[in-house]
Amino acid sequence: NPIPEDSVPSTVAAVINVRDRDSGDNGKVSCNIDGDLPFRLEPSSEKTYKLIIANTLDREKVSAYNITITARDRGSPALSSRAALVLEVSDVNDN
């Protein structure tokens, strides 16, 4: 679903679930967003992250964001995986 451009910072835009079948430290995963985007990731639980709006959005400038999230485990060697999502911004001041 599109996110309205007048969403205030700290609004949760998505919830991301991560899973690693290893046990112990090898099964612990950290996630981050690639690039300079107006979003941030915050851990919600051991296997869940919230994608949060960090700055104001303006649909006239950017109508959609391509967000790449990288998940990395604590194994040795560390393994990683990427997932991409598209977040559309809806216009609130056009009729």
C-alpha atoms as a PDB file:
ATOM      1  CA  ASN A   1       0.000   0.000   0.000  1.00  0.00           C
ATOM      2  CA  PRO A   2       1.259   3.504  -0.764  1.00  0.00           C
ATOM      3  CA  ILE A   3       2.417   5.708   2.089  1.00  0.00           C
ATOM      4  CA  PRO A   4       0.795   9.179   2.170  1.00  0.00           C
ATOM      5  CA  GLU A   5       3.302  11.963   1.646  1.00  0.00           C
ATOM      6  CA  ASP A   6       2.058  13.736   4.779  1.00  0.00           C
ATOM      7  CA  SER A   7       3.037  10.807   7.028  1.00  0.00           C
ATOM      8  CA  VAL A   8       4.949  12.120   9.996  1.00  0.00           C
ATOM      9  CA  PRO A   9       8.476  10.976  10.766  1.00  0.00           C
ATOM     10  CA  SER A  10       8.458   7.938  13.086  1.00  0.00           C
ATOM     11  CA  THR A  11       5.543   6.363  11.165  1.00  0.00           C
ATOM     12  CA  VAL A  12       6.051   2.627  10.580  1.00  0.00           C
ATOM     13  CA  ALA A  13       5.976   2.009   6.826  1.00  0.00           C
ATOM     14  CA  ALA A  14       6.647  -1.750   6.858  1.00  0.00           C
ATOM     15  CA  VAL A  15       7.538  -4.663   9.092  1.00  0.00           C
ATOM     16  CA  ILE A  16      10.369  -6.943   7.941  1.00  0.00           C
ATOM     17  CA  ASN A  17      10.775 -10.490   9.242  1.00  0.00           C
ATOM     18  CA  VAL A  18      14.210 -12.122   9.117  1.00  0.00           C
ATOM     19  CA  ARG A  19      15.112 -15.741   9.651  1.00  0.00           C
ATOM     20  CA  ASP A  20      18.347 -17.678   9.943  1.00  0.00           C
ATOM     21  CA  ARG A  21      18.132 -21.403  10.614  1.00  0.00           C
ATOM     22  CA  ASP A  22      21.493 -21.525  12.395  1.00  0.00           C
ATOM     23  CA  SER A  23      21.625 -21.594  16.179  1.00  0.00           C
ATOM     24  CA  GLY A  24      23.538 -19.429  18.651  1.00  0.00           C
ATOM     25  CA  ASP A  25      25.403 -16.379  17.392  1.00  0.00           C
ATOM     26  CA  ASN A  26      25.425 -17.819  13.864  1.00  0.00           C
ATOM     27  CA  GLY A  27      21.640 -17.444  13.827  1.00  0.00           C
ATOM     28  CA  LYS A  28      21.570 -13.820  14.947  1.00  0.00           C
ATOM     29  CA  VAL A  29      20.897 -11.409  12.109  1.00  0.00           C
ATOM     30  CA  SER A  30      21.342  -7.656  11.736  1.00  0.00           C
ATOM     31  CA  CYS A  31      19.748  -5.599   8.961  1.00  0.00           C
ATOM     32  CA  ASN A  32      20.495  -2.269   7.343  1.00  0.00           C
ATOM     33  CA  ILE A  33      19.243  -0.154   4.460  1.00  0.00           C
ATOM     34  CA  ASP A  34      21.513   0.455   1.491  1.00  0.00           C
ATOM     35  CA  GLY A  35      21.803   4.079   0.365  1.00  0.00           C
ATOM     36  CA  ASP A  36      20.758   7.463   1.668  1.00  0.00           C
ATOM     37  CA  LEU A  37      16.984   7.286   2.031  1.00  0.00           C
ATOM     38  CA  PRO A  38      14.463   9.013   4.325  1.00  0.00           C
ATOM     39  CA  PHE A  39      13.915   5.754   6.218  1.00  0.00           C
ATOM     40  CA  ARG A  40      15.594   3.843   9.013  1.00  0.00           C
ATOM     41  CA  LEU A  41      15.388   0.305  10.329  1.00  0.00           C
ATOM     42  CA  GLU A  42      14.761  -0.390  13.990  1.00  0.00           C
ATOM     43  CA  PRO A  43      14.739  -3.817  15.593  1.00  0.00           C
ATOM     44  CA  SER A  44      11.304  -4.681  16.909  1.00  0.00           C
ATOM     45  CA  SER A  45      12.136  -8.138  18.218  1.00  0.00           C
ATOM     46  CA  GLU A  46      14.864 -10.705  17.664  1.00  0.00           C
ATOM     47  CA  LYS A  47      13.541 -11.559  14.181  1.00  0.00           C
ATOM     48  CA  THR A  48      11.549  -8.458  13.239  1.00  0.00           C
ATOM     49  CA  TYR A  49      12.529  -4.983  12.067  1.00  0.00           C
ATOM     50  CA  LYS A  50      10.391  -1.892  11.521  1.00  0.00           C
ATOM     51  CA  LEU A  51      10.975   0.320   8.480  1.00  0.00           C
ATOM     52  CA  ILE A  52      10.320   3.801   9.832  1.00  0.00           C
ATOM     53  CA  ILE A  53       9.951   7.110   8.040  1.00  0.00           C
ATOM     54  CA  ALA A  54      12.889   9.226   9.223  1.00  0.00           C
ATOM     55  CA  ASN A  55      12.277  12.445   7.247  1.00  0.00           C
ATOM     56  CA  THR A  56       9.366  14.130   5.527  1.00  0.00           C
ATOM     57  CA  LEU A  57       8.275  12.737   2.162  1.00  0.00           C
ATOM     58  CA  ASP A  58       7.363  14.778  -0.926  1.00  0.00           C
ATOM     59  CA  ARG A  59       5.656  12.911  -3.768  1.00  0.00           C
ATOM     60  CA  GLU A  60       6.393  15.748  -6.187  1.00  0.00           C
ATOM     61  CA  LYS A  61      10.108  15.073  -5.702  1.00  0.00           C
ATOM     62  CA  VAL A  62      10.074  11.263  -5.311  1.00  0.00           C
ATOM     63  CA  SER A  63       6.976   9.192  -6.096  1.00  0.00           C
ATOM     64  CA  ALA A  64       8.485   5.820  -5.150  1.00  0.00           C
ATOM     65  CA  TYR A  65      11.519   4.535  -3.282  1.00  0.00           C
ATOM     66  CA  ASN A  66      13.481   1.436  -4.202  1.00  0.00           C
ATOM     67  CA  ILE A  67      14.701   0.153  -0.858  1.00  0.00           C
ATOM     68  CA  THR A  68      17.326  -2.565  -0.570  1.00  0.00           C
ATOM     69  CA  ILE A  69      17.687  -4.216   2.807  1.00  0.00           C
ATOM     70  CA  THR A  70      20.771  -6.267   3.604  1.00  0.00           C
ATOM     71  CA  ALA A  71      20.592  -8.940   6.304  1.00  0.00           C
ATOM     72  CA  ARG A  72      23.886 -10.284   7.702  1.00  0.00           C
ATOM     73  CA  ASP A  73      24.357 -13.059  10.227  1.00  0.00           C
ATOM     74  CA  ARG A  74      27.055 -13.285  12.902  1.00  0.00           C
ATOM     75  CA  GLY A  75      28.561 -16.483  11.571  1.00  0.00           C
ATOM     76  CA  SER A  76      32.179 -16.890  10.600  1.00  0.00           C
ATOM     77  CA  PRO A  77      32.352 -16.211   7.758  1.00  0.00           C
ATOM     78  CA  ALA A  78      29.325 -13.929   7.896  1.00  0.00           C
ATOM     79  CA  LEU A  79      26.661 -14.625   5.297  1.00  0.00           C
ATOM     80  CA  SER A  80      24.368 -11.978   3.894  1.00  0.00           C
ATOM     81  CA  SER A  81      21.269 -11.692   1.788  1.00  0.00           C
ATOM     82  CA  ARG A  82      19.479  -8.769   0.159  1.00  0.00           C
ATOM     83  CA  ALA A  83      15.837  -8.065  -0.445  1.00  0.00           C
ATOM     84  CA  ALA A  84      14.371  -5.181  -2.421  1.00  0.00           C
ATOM     85  CA  LEU A  85      11.040  -3.496  -1.971  1.00  0.00           C
ATOM     86  CA  VAL A  86       9.326  -0.594  -3.668  1.00  0.00           C
ATOM     87  CA  LEU A  87       7.528   1.880  -1.452  1.00  0.00           C
ATOM     88  CA  GLU A  88       5.147   4.165  -3.320  1.00  0.00           C
ATOM     89  CA  VAL A  89       4.255   7.600  -1.979  1.00  0.00           C
ATOM     90  CA  SER A  90       0.684   8.793  -2.454  1.00  0.00           C
ATOM     91  CA  ASP A  91      -0.187  12.444  -3.074  1.00  0.00           C
ATOM     92  CA  VAL A  92      -2.417  14.090  -0.506  1.00  0.00           C
ATOM     93  CA  ASN A  93      -2.839  17.601  -1.893  1.00  0.00           C
ATOM     94  CA  ASP A  94      -4.056  16.818  -5.450  1.00  0.00           C
ATOM     95  CA  ASN A  95      -7.727  16.328  -6.271  1.00  0.00           C
END
